[in-house]
């Protein structure tokens, strides 16, 4: 059994109107802002600078949601299981943030 990655990516692109490489790039680009915003939120909470917490909370939300927003805007005919997996990823990210902030 041979998996032709290029054919699979092309099939996803034509079937769902979403480029998996753009989705992956958005997801990877969001890693840096995700961790930096956690650091800044913790620092803002320690200094009681709630303006900083709000600003970096927004950055954090964008970093988490951006790849899925791309799919929501441009995707067509996506299976329901995709949205279930996307929801689980977003919820697990939010839970991870909650645990990290609670520790600090």
Protein backbone atom coordinates (compact mmCIF):
# COMPACT_ATOMS: atom_id res chain seq x y z
CA UNK A 1 0.00 0.00 0.00
CA UNK A 2 1.58 3.24 -1.17
CA UNK A 3 0.44 6.62 0.08
CA UNK A 4 0.85 9.34 -2.49
CA UNK A 5 0.95 12.49 -0.35
CA UNK A 6 0.81 14.89 -3.30
CA UNK A 7 -2.31 13.18 -4.64
CA UNK A 8 -3.96 13.26 -1.20
CA UNK A 9 -3.19 16.98 -0.77
CA UNK A 10 -4.57 17.70 -4.24
CA UNK A 11 -7.69 15.67 -3.44
CA UNK A 12 -8.27 17.60 -0.21
CA UNK A 13 -7.79 20.86 -2.08
CA UNK A 14 -10.31 19.99 -4.78
CA UNK A 15 -12.83 18.21 -2.56
CA UNK A 16 -12.95 20.69 0.32
CA UNK A 17 -11.49 23.90 -1.22
CA UNK A 18 -8.90 24.06 1.56
CA UNK A 19 -5.16 23.89 1.09
CA UNK A 20 -3.75 21.64 3.85
CA UNK A 21 -0.36 23.34 3.53
CA UNK A 22 -1.88 26.75 4.31
CA UNK A 23 -3.76 25.22 7.26
CA UNK A 24 -0.54 23.63 8.54
CA UNK A 25 1.42 26.84 8.05
CA UNK A 26 -1.18 28.87 9.97
CA UNK A 27 -1.11 26.27 12.74
CA UNK A 28 2.69 26.31 12.99
CA UNK A 29 2.91 30.10 12.74
CA UNK A 30 0.53 30.31 15.70
CA UNK A 31 2.84 28.34 18.00
CA UNK A 32 5.16 31.28 18.74
CA UNK A 33 2.40 33.79 19.51
CA UNK A 34 0.60 31.11 21.56
CA UNK A 35 3.51 30.59 23.97
CA UNK A 36 4.54 34.25 24.01
CA UNK A 37 1.01 35.33 24.89
CA UNK A 38 0.87 32.79 27.72
CA UNK A 39 4.11 34.27 29.07
CA UNK A 40 2.74 37.83 28.78
CA UNK A 41 -0.61 36.89 30.35
CA UNK A 42 1.13 35.31 33.34
CA UNK A 43 3.40 38.36 33.69
CA UNK A 44 0.38 40.67 33.44
CA UNK A 45 -1.52 38.70 36.08
CA UNK A 46 1.43 38.86 38.46
CA UNK A 47 1.69 42.64 37.99
CA UNK A 48 -2.10 43.04 37.96
CA UNK A 49 -1.86 44.68 34.53
CA UNK A 50 -5.22 43.59 33.18
CA UNK A 51 -4.83 45.65 30.00
CA UNK A 52 -1.87 43.45 29.08
CA UNK A 53 -3.86 40.35 29.99
CA UNK A 54 -6.71 41.42 27.68
CA UNK A 55 -4.40 42.26 24.78
CA UNK A 56 -2.45 39.02 24.95
CA UNK A 57 -5.62 37.07 25.63
CA UNK A 58 -6.83 38.30 22.26
CA UNK A 59 -3.51 37.33 20.65
CA UNK A 60 -3.87 33.89 22.24
CA UNK A 61 -7.41 33.47 20.94
CA UNK A 62 -6.34 34.42 17.41
CA UNK A 63 -3.40 32.00 17.54
CA UNK A 64 -5.70 29.15 18.57
CA UNK A 65 -8.60 29.86 16.20
CA UNK A 66 -6.87 31.22 13.05
CA UNK A 67 -6.23 27.90 11.23
CA UNK A 68 -9.80 26.76 11.87
CA UNK A 69 -11.17 30.14 10.81
CA UNK A 70 -9.34 29.67 7.50
CA UNK A 71 -11.12 26.35 7.04
CA UNK A 72 -14.48 27.81 8.11
CA UNK A 73 -14.20 30.66 5.61
CA UNK A 74 -12.80 28.81 2.60
CA UNK A 75 -13.79 25.19 3.22
CA UNK A 76 -16.71 23.55 1.44
CA UNK A 77 -18.38 20.16 1.96
CA UNK A 78 -16.35 19.39 5.08
CA UNK A 79 -17.39 16.25 6.93
CA UNK A 80 -18.93 16.61 10.37
CA UNK A 81 -16.12 14.63 11.99
CA UNK A 82 -13.67 17.40 10.98
CA UNK A 83 -15.59 19.94 13.04
CA UNK A 84 -15.65 17.51 15.97
CA UNK A 85 -11.88 17.09 15.80
CA UNK A 86 -11.41 20.86 15.37
CA UNK A 87 -13.60 21.50 18.40
CA UNK A 88 -11.62 19.00 20.47
CA UNK A 89 -8.33 20.62 19.46
CA UNK A 90 -9.61 24.08 20.36
CA UNK A 91 -11.06 22.87 23.68
CA UNK A 92 -7.86 21.03 24.59
CA UNK A 93 -5.85 24.16 23.77
CA UNK A 94 -8.09 26.25 26.00
CA UNK A 95 -7.85 23.68 28.79
CA UNK A 96 -4.06 23.67 28.46
CA UNK A 97 -4.02 27.46 28.78
CA UNK A 98 -6.29 27.27 31.81
CA UNK A 99 -3.98 24.75 33.52
CA UNK A 100 -0.88 26.82 32.78
CA UNK A 101 -2.47 30.01 34.07
CA UNK A 102 -3.77 28.29 37.18
CA UNK A 103 -0.26 27.00 37.97
CA UNK A 104 1.23 30.47 37.86
